């Protein structure tokens, strides 16, 4: 009797029911894929890792995680279906508009309010609980939102919710390049969707828009050149050759996403947690330069920006300040030459070298003893002093 009841309940969990429940919870798209990564995307992953294009993200080449990334069934052998969910975070305005205002800070669209991981995970758990309840407890689930080695973009394409564009991100015919993704792995055997086909055609706007030429070829990203990687994942000073191209981008970069022609169909998100905080829509670089550690933590509470810490954040702000062409920032930057962080002091040296005359810059060494006392800062000084 119990066995028959369980079987009948399983059959009642249809994709239509799942999709309706996902939308009720707050997701904008829902698809289902088999727990398989196709050979082409496995090859792309292998080439990315073999070429060291992951930079300092060593977990990409972890001998335990890599096989799981290539094969979801190695991550969880019991999985039968992967439910892929997407949430629209489309901006109301062109994210690249602030490029014309170098004294303002550009922050990636996804990071202008709350950390999306928290909301997406909460909703994934809610939908996962519904699956378990509908199955009478017969099915198992696991939820993921950047919390495990999951190749979510290929799975997203296999689920039919979009395709992996030439910029390597997922593109939707309905939402353009603006979808947050999350996955539910389940033992429930759902019918898989028709994979979405590639609609990029001959367009290459995303590739040519990249300010640091981070795309060696279509569908291939060298993270070591990507401004998102450099401003978020990379430790230490920003490499010299990428500082000018960074412009006023202080956290992430949306250029390759923003220029996608499919965004003409995108709509502004209706999710309050994804709508930018007023103070992060067009923030002044000057306001960030005065943040101490307590101020940084308080200002970015609940934000993904908090995770990189004050030192890396101010490193990014100082590069932007050096690119601003705004001498009025000099006093604030000069204050940071005595900061506790060598990374901040070194970045301040470079910013001042861009905003001061040669004579003004040369005089700093006699004023600030810490330039001499730290090899990282001194190396930055020598490089800036010897620049043409």
Protein backbone atom coordinates (compact mmCIF):
# COMPACT_ATOMS: atom_id res chain seq x y z
CA UNK A 1 0.00 0.00 0.00
CA UNK A 2 2.70 2.51 1.00
CA UNK A 3 4.84 1.54 -2.01
CA UNK A 4 1.97 2.17 -4.44
CA UNK A 5 1.17 5.52 -2.81
CA UNK A 6 4.79 6.62 -3.14
CA UNK A 7 4.91 5.63 -6.80
CA UNK A 8 1.67 7.44 -7.59
CA UNK A 9 2.89 10.59 -5.83
CA UNK A 10 6.13 10.56 -7.82
CA UNK A 11 4.20 10.48 -11.07
CA UNK A 12 2.20 13.53 -10.03
CA UNK A 13 5.32 15.74 -9.90
CA UNK A 14 5.24 17.03 -13.46
CA UNK A 15 7.43 19.68 -15.02
CA UNK A 16 4.41 21.96 -15.36
CA UNK A 17 3.81 21.73 -11.63
CA UNK A 18 7.48 22.34 -10.92
CA UNK A 19 7.62 25.36 -13.20
CA UNK A 20 4.48 26.87 -11.68
CA UNK A 21 5.82 26.40 -8.15
CA UNK A 22 9.19 27.91 -9.10
CA UNK A 23 7.48 31.03 -10.44
CA UNK A 24 5.28 31.24 -7.36
CA UNK A 25 8.38 31.20 -5.16
CA UNK A 26 9.98 33.99 -7.20
CA UNK A 27 12.13 32.40 -9.91
CA UNK A 28 11.74 33.77 -13.44
CA UNK A 29 12.82 30.67 -15.38
CA UNK A 30 12.96 26.96 -14.67
CA UNK A 31 14.40 24.11 -16.71
CA UNK A 32 15.43 20.49 -16.28
CA UNK A 33 18.58 18.78 -17.54
CA UNK A 34 20.17 15.38 -17.22
CA UNK A 35 23.18 15.37 -14.86
CA UNK A 36 25.64 15.30 -17.75
CA UNK A 37 28.19 17.75 -19.13
CA UNK A 38 28.58 17.39 -22.88
CA UNK A 39 31.97 16.61 -24.42
CA UNK A 40 32.45 20.11 -25.84
CA UNK A 41 32.09 21.79 -22.46
CA UNK A 42 34.27 19.18 -20.79
CA UNK A 43 36.94 20.01 -23.34
CA UNK A 44 36.56 23.74 -22.72
CA UNK A 45 36.98 23.17 -19.01
CA UNK A 46 40.06 21.00 -19.54
CA UNK A 47 41.65 23.63 -21.80
CA UNK A 48 40.86 26.40 -19.30
CA UNK A 49 42.55 24.47 -16.51
CA UNK A 50 45.47 23.20 -18.58
CA UNK A 51 46.24 26.74 -19.74
CA UNK A 52 46.27 28.09 -16.20
CA UNK A 53 43.61 30.61 -17.21
CA UNK A 54 41.98 30.34 -13.79
CA UNK A 55 44.76 32.47 -12.29
CA UNK A 56 44.89 32.20 -8.50
CA UNK A 57 41.54 30.37 -8.26
CA UNK A 58 43.31 27.14 -7.35
CA UNK A 59 40.06 25.33 -6.57
CA UNK A 60 39.45 25.13 -10.34
CA UNK A 61 42.38 22.71 -10.60
CA UNK A 62 41.72 20.84 -7.36
CA UNK A 63 42.23 17.11 -8.12
CA UNK A 64 39.15 16.23 -6.07
CA UNK A 65 36.83 18.95 -7.38
CA UNK A 66 37.77 18.89 -11.06
CA UNK A 67 36.31 15.43 -11.82
CA UNK A 68 33.10 16.47 -10.02
CA UNK A 69 32.91 19.62 -12.10
CA UNK A 70 33.22 17.55 -15.28
CA UNK A 71 30.62 15.02 -14.16
CA UNK A 72 27.71 15.94 -11.84
CA UNK A 73 27.14 12.27 -11.03
CA UNK A 74 30.55 12.19 -9.38
CA UNK A 75 29.38 15.05 -7.18
CA UNK A 76 26.29 13.03 -6.20
CA UNK A 77 25.91 9.51 -7.68
CA UNK A 78 22.17 9.33 -6.90
CA UNK A 79 21.19 12.40 -8.92
CA UNK A 80 18.71 11.77 -11.75
CA UNK A 81 17.72 15.32 -12.72
CA UNK A 82 19.12 18.83 -12.35
CA UNK A 83 16.53 21.56 -11.94
CA UNK A 84 18.07 24.84 -13.13
CA UNK A 85 16.50 28.06 -11.87
CA UNK A 86 17.11 31.61 -13.01
CA UNK A 87 16.29 35.00 -11.47
CA UNK A 88 16.24 38.20 -13.50
CA UNK A 89 18.50 40.97 -12.18
CA UNK A 90 18.25 43.22 -15.23
CA UNK A 91 19.31 46.84 -14.62
CA UNK A 92 17.10 49.82 -15.33
CA UNK A 93 19.89 51.72 -17.07
CA UNK A 94 22.95 50.98 -19.19
CA UNK A 95 25.66 49.81 -16.76
CA UNK A 96 28.35 51.39 -18.98
CA UNK A 97 26.96 54.92 -18.65
CA UNK A 98 29.30 55.73 -15.74
CA UNK A 99 32.35 55.28 -17.96
CA UNK A 100 31.79 58.92 -18.93
CA UNK A 101 32.11 59.99 -15.28
CA UNK A 102 35.61 58.92 -14.15
CA UNK A 103 35.22 60.46 -10.70
CA UNK A 104 32.37 58.02 -10.01
CA UNK A 105 32.80 54.34 -9.17
CA UNK A 106 31.48 51.60 -11.42
CA UNK A 107 30.22 48.56 -9.52
CA UNK A 108 28.92 45.45 -11.25
CA UNK A 109 25.13 45.35 -11.48
CA UNK A 110 24.88 42.19 -9.38
CA UNK A 111 26.71 43.76 -6.42
CA UNK A 112 24.80 47.01 -5.97
CA UNK A 113 22.51 45.64 -3.30
CA UNK A 114 22.23 42.46 -1.23
CA UNK A 115 24.30 39.36 -1.86
CA UNK A 116 22.13 37.39 -4.26
CA UNK A 117 23.40 34.05 -2.95
CA UNK A 118 21.37 34.43 0.23
CA UNK A 119 18.03 35.04 -1.47
CA UNK A 120 18.56 32.46 -4.23
CA UNK A 121 19.60 29.78 -1.74
CA UNK A 122 16.56 30.47 0.43
CA UNK A 123 14.26 30.05 -2.57
CA UNK A 124 16.08 26.95 -3.79
CA UNK A 125 15.55 25.35 -0.39
CA UNK A 126 11.88 26.31 -0.47
CA UNK A 127 11.39 24.66 -3.88
CA UNK A 128 13.46 21.65 -2.82
CA UNK A 129 11.27 21.15 0.25
CA UNK A 130 8.21 21.24 -1.99
CA UNK A 131 9.71 18.48 -4.19
CA UNK A 132 10.32 16.31 -1.15
CA UNK A 133 6.84 16.96 0.22
CA UNK A 134 5.19 16.20 -3.14
CA UNK A 135 7.07 12.92 -3.31
CA UNK A 136 5.89 11.91 0.13
CA UNK A 137 9.50 11.98 1.27
CA UNK A 138 10.54 9.47 -1.41
CA UNK A 139 12.91 11.84 -3.23
CA UNK A 140 16.15 13.47 -2.10
CA UNK A 141 17.48 16.90 -3.05
CA UNK A 142 20.64 19.02 -2.85
CA UNK A 143 20.75 22.75 -3.61
CA UNK A 144 23.67 24.69 -5.08
CA UNK A 145 24.33 28.35 -5.73
CA UNK A 146 28.09 28.76 -6.24
CA UNK A 147 28.61 26.37 -3.32
CA UNK A 148 29.99 23.34 -5.16
CA UNK A 149 31.90 22.45 -8.34
CA UNK A 150 28.89 22.72 -10.67
CA UNK A 151 29.19 23.80 -14.32
CA UNK A 152 25.92 25.67 -14.12
CA UNK A 153 26.03 27.44 -17.49
CA UNK A 154 26.27 24.27 -19.61
CA UNK A 155 23.55 22.77 -17.42
CA UNK A 156 21.50 25.92 -17.97
CA UNK A 157 21.78 25.50 -21.73
CA UNK A 158 20.93 21.80 -21.49
CA UNK A 159 17.85 22.73 -19.42
CA UNK A 160 16.60 25.06 -22.15
CA UNK A 161 16.63 28.33 -20.20
CA UNK A 162 19.37 29.94 -22.30
CA UNK A 163 22.64 29.33 -24.08
CA UNK A 164 26.27 29.96 -23.22
CA UNK A 165 27.28 32.97 -25.28
CA UNK A 166 30.65 33.89 -26.70
CA UNK A 167 31.38 35.78 -23.45
CA UNK A 168 30.97 32.38 -21.68
CA UNK A 169 27.94 33.60 -19.71
CA UNK A 170 24.38 32.39 -20.10
CA UNK A 171 22.16 34.36 -22.49
CA UNK A 172 18.37 34.22 -22.43
CA UNK A 173 16.06 35.25 -25.26
CA UNK A 174 13.78 36.74 -22.62
CA UNK A 175 16.22 38.21 -20.10
CA UNK A 176 19.40 38.79 -22.09
CA UNK A 177 22.58 38.37 -20.05
CA UNK A 178 20.98 39.16 -16.69
CA UNK A 179 20.16 35.90 -14.93
CA UNK A 180 21.32 34.63 -11.55
CA UNK A 181 21.49 30.83 -11.58
CA UNK A 182 20.92 28.14 -8.98
CA UNK A 183 20.45 24.39 -9.15
CA UNK A 184 18.56 21.63 -7.37
CA UNK A 185 20.01 18.17 -7.81
CA UNK A 186 17.35 15.54 -7.18
CA UNK A 187 16.71 11.83 -7.32
CA UNK A 188 13.39 12.67 -9.00
CA UNK A 189 13.48 11.48 -12.61
CA UNK A 190 11.96 14.40 -14.51
CA UNK A 191 11.73 14.62 -18.30
CA UNK A 192 14.65 16.64 -19.62
CA UNK A 193 14.05 19.77 -21.68
CA UNK A 194 15.18 20.46 -25.22
CA UNK A 195 18.56 22.20 -24.97
CA UNK A 196 18.58 25.82 -26.09
CA UNK A 197 20.47 26.41 -29.33
CA UNK A 198 23.18 29.04 -29.72
CA UNK A 199 21.70 32.30 -31.03
CA UNK A 200 24.91 34.36 -31.06
CA UNK A 201 25.37 33.96 -34.80
CA UNK A 202 28.16 36.11 -36.23
CA UNK A 203 27.89 38.74 -33.48
CA UNK A 204 31.09 39.39 -31.53
CA UNK A 205 30.20 42.59 -29.66
CA UNK A 206 30.91 41.03 -26.27
CA UNK A 207 34.42 40.03 -27.35
CA UNK A 208 35.39 43.42 -28.76
CA UNK A 209 33.87 45.29 -25.80
CA UNK A 210 36.28 43.75 -23.29
CA UNK A 211 38.69 46.50 -22.16
CA UNK A 212 41.47 44.01 -21.33
CA UNK A 213 41.10 41.55 -24.25
CA UNK A 214 40.24 38.73 -21.88
CA UNK A 215 38.70 36.56 -24.61
CA UNK A 216 41.41 34.71 -26.58
CA UNK A 217 38.64 33.25 -28.76
CA UNK A 218 34.84 33.00 -28.77
CA UNK A 219 33.56 30.95 -25.82
CA UNK A 220 36.99 31.13 -24.12
CA UNK A 221 37.85 33.39 -21.18
CA UNK A 222 41.29 34.02 -19.71
CA UNK A 223 40.32 34.98 -16.17
CA UNK A 224 43.78 36.41 -15.53
CA UNK A 225 42.89 39.32 -17.83
CA UNK A 226 39.29 39.75 -16.72
CA UNK A 227 38.50 42.86 -14.66
CA UNK A 228 35.96 40.92 -12.62
CA UNK A 229 38.68 38.45 -11.65
CA UNK A 230 41.28 41.18 -11.08
CA UNK A 231 39.07 43.28 -8.81
CA UNK A 232 37.51 40.41 -6.85
CA UNK A 233 39.61 37.23 -6.87
CA UNK A 234 43.13 38.51 -7.50
CA UNK A 235 45.32 39.19 -4.49
CA UNK A 236 48.16 41.69 -4.50
CA UNK A 237 48.59 44.78 -6.68
CA UNK A 238 46.68 45.03 -9.95
CA UNK A 239 49.18 44.26 -12.74
CA UNK A 240 50.41 47.49 -14.36
CA UNK A 241 49.11 46.71 -17.85
CA UNK A 242 45.53 46.40 -16.63
CA UNK A 243 45.31 49.55 -14.51
CA UNK A 244 44.48 52.04 -17.25
CA UNK A 245 41.97 49.69 -18.94
CA UNK A 246 40.23 49.28 -15.57
CA UNK A 247 39.09 52.89 -15.76
CA UNK A 248 36.69 53.51 -12.87
CA UNK A 249 35.57 49.90 -12.45
CA UNK A 250 36.12 49.10 -8.79
CA UNK A 251 34.19 45.85 -8.38
CA UNK A 252 33.54 43.55 -11.31
CA UNK A 253 32.84 44.50 -14.91
CA UNK A 254 29.65 44.24 -16.97
CA UNK A 255 30.90 45.39 -20.38
CA UNK A 256 30.62 42.05 -22.18
CA UNK A 257 27.16 41.50 -20.69
CA UNK A 258 25.89 45.02 -21.27
CA UNK A 259 26.61 45.15 -25.02
CA UNK A 260 24.78 41.89 -25.83
CA UNK A 261 22.04 42.63 -28.42
CA UNK A 262 19.73 40.15 -26.71
CA UNK A 263 19.42 42.62 -23.83
CA UNK A 264 16.88 44.53 -25.95
CA UNK A 265 14.36 41.97 -24.72
CA UNK A 266 15.49 42.24 -21.10
CA UNK A 267 13.38 43.96 -18.47
CA UNK A 268 14.29 45.64 -15.22
CA UNK A 269 14.19 43.28 -12.28
CA UNK A 270 11.19 43.53 -9.99
CA UNK A 271 13.04 41.93 -7.10
CA UNK A 272 13.70 44.59 -4.45
CA UNK A 273 16.87 42.84 -3.26
CA UNK A 274 18.39 43.25 -6.73
CA UNK A 275 17.47 46.91 -7.28
CA UNK A 276 20.57 49.07 -6.59
CA UNK A 277 20.94 50.89 -3.31
CA UNK A 278 20.73 54.63 -3.96
CA UNK A 279 24.22 55.20 -2.55
CA UNK A 280 25.69 52.63 -4.97
CA UNK A 281 24.06 53.84 -8.19
CA UNK A 282 26.78 56.40 -8.95
CA UNK A 283 29.02 56.64 -5.87
CA UNK A 284 31.88 59.13 -5.71
CA UNK A 285 35.38 57.68 -5.51
CA UNK A 286 36.16 60.35 -2.92
CA UNK A 287 33.67 58.91 -0.47
CA UNK A 288 35.28 55.47 -0.50
CA UNK A 289 38.81 56.77 0.05
CA UNK A 290 37.97 57.75 3.64
CA UNK A 291 36.62 54.33 4.71
CA UNK A 292 38.41 52.73 7.63
CA UNK A 293 37.89 49.03 8.32
CA UNK A 294 34.86 49.53 10.57
CA UNK A 295 33.32 51.95 8.09
CA UNK A 296 33.90 49.55 5.21
CA UNK A 297 32.27 46.65 7.05
CA UNK A 298 29.30 48.73 8.13
CA UNK A 299 28.69 50.25 4.70
CA UNK A 300 28.85 46.90 2.88
CA UNK A 301 26.99 44.74 5.41
CA UNK A 302 25.00 42.15 3.45
CA UNK A 303 26.83 43.03 0.23
CA UNK A 304 29.08 40.66 -1.76
CA UNK A 305 31.64 43.46 -1.79
CA UNK A 306 32.29 42.91 1.91
CA UNK A 307 33.88 39.53 1.14
CA UNK A 308 36.94 40.99 -0.60
CA UNK A 309 37.89 43.07 2.44
CA UNK A 310 38.89 46.70 2.75
CA UNK A 311 42.46 46.32 1.46
CA UNK A 312 41.49 44.86 -1.92
CA UNK A 313 38.52 47.18 -2.20
CA UNK A 314 40.63 50.31 -1.63
CA UNK A 315 43.28 48.91 -3.99
CA UNK A 316 40.58 48.97 -6.68
CA UNK A 317 39.34 52.41 -5.69
CA UNK A 318 42.87 53.80 -5.80
CA UNK A 319 43.44 52.47 -9.31
CA UNK A 320 40.21 54.17 -10.35
CA UNK A 321 41.31 57.35 -8.56
CA UNK A 322 44.57 57.28 -10.50
CA UNK A 323 42.55 57.07 -13.70
CA UNK A 324 40.11 59.81 -12.68
CA UNK A 325 42.15 62.84 -13.75
CA UNK A 326 40.89 64.52 -10.56
CA UNK A 327 43.72 66.24 -8.61
CA UNK A 328 41.24 67.15 -5.86
CA UNK A 329 41.54 63.52 -4.70
CA UNK A 330 45.25 63.91 -3.93
CA UNK A 331 44.90 64.85 -0.22
CA UNK A 332 42.66 61.86 0.47
CA UNK A 333 44.99 59.52 -1.41
CA UNK A 334 48.07 60.91 0.33
CA UNK A 335 46.49 60.08 3.69
CA UNK A 336 46.56 56.42 2.65
CA UNK A 337 50.35 56.41 2.27
CA UNK A 338 50.49 55.72 6.00
CA UNK A 339 47.76 53.06 6.00
CA UNK A 340 48.43 49.80 7.83
CA UNK A 341 47.99 47.81 4.60
CA UNK A 342 51.02 47.62 2.30
CA UNK A 343 48.64 46.86 -0.57
CA UNK A 344 46.78 50.11 0.03
CA UNK A 345 50.01 52.09 0.41
CA UNK A 346 51.40 50.67 -2.83
CA UNK A 347 48.18 51.43 -4.69
CA UNK A 348 48.17 54.96 -3.30
CA UNK A 349 51.70 55.47 -4.66
CA UNK A 350 50.55 54.58 -8.17
CA UNK A 351 47.43 56.74 -7.95
CA UNK A 352 49.48 59.75 -6.87
CA UNK A 353 51.99 59.16 -9.67
CA UNK A 354 49.11 59.57 -12.11
CA UNK A 355 47.66 62.71 -10.56
CA UNK A 356 50.75 64.65 -9.43
CA UNK A 357 53.42 66.45 -11.34
CA UNK A 358 56.81 64.70 -11.42
CA UNK A 359 58.23 67.18 -8.90
CA UNK A 360 55.32 66.75 -6.49
CA UNK A 361 55.53 63.01 -6.72
CA UNK A 362 59.31 62.95 -6.13
CA UNK A 363 58.91 64.93 -2.91
CA UNK A 364 56.68 62.28 -1.34
CA UNK A 365 59.54 59.95 -0.53
CA UNK A 366 61.05 62.37 1.93
CA UNK A 367 57.71 62.93 3.66
CA UNK A 368 56.44 59.36 4.03
CA UNK A 369 58.90 57.02 5.71
CA UNK A 370 56.79 53.93 5.00
CA UNK A 371 57.64 54.18 1.31
CA UNK A 372 61.17 53.14 2.22
CA UNK A 373 60.24 50.58 4.86
CA UNK A 374 58.11 48.20 2.79
CA UNK A 375 59.50 46.34 -0.25
CA UNK A 376 56.09 46.14 -1.96
CA UNK A 377 55.55 49.89 -1.63
CA UNK A 378 59.14 50.69 -2.57
CA UNK A 379 58.90 48.54 -5.69
CA UNK A 380 55.76 50.43 -6.70
CA UNK A 381 57.55 53.71 -6.07
CA UNK A 382 60.56 52.75 -8.17
CA UNK A 383 58.34 51.54 -11.02
CA UNK A 384 56.26 54.72 -10.98
CA UNK A 385 59.34 56.93 -10.74
CA UNK A 386 60.98 55.26 -13.72
CA UNK A 387 57.86 55.22 -15.90
CA UNK A 388 58.01 57.25 -19.10
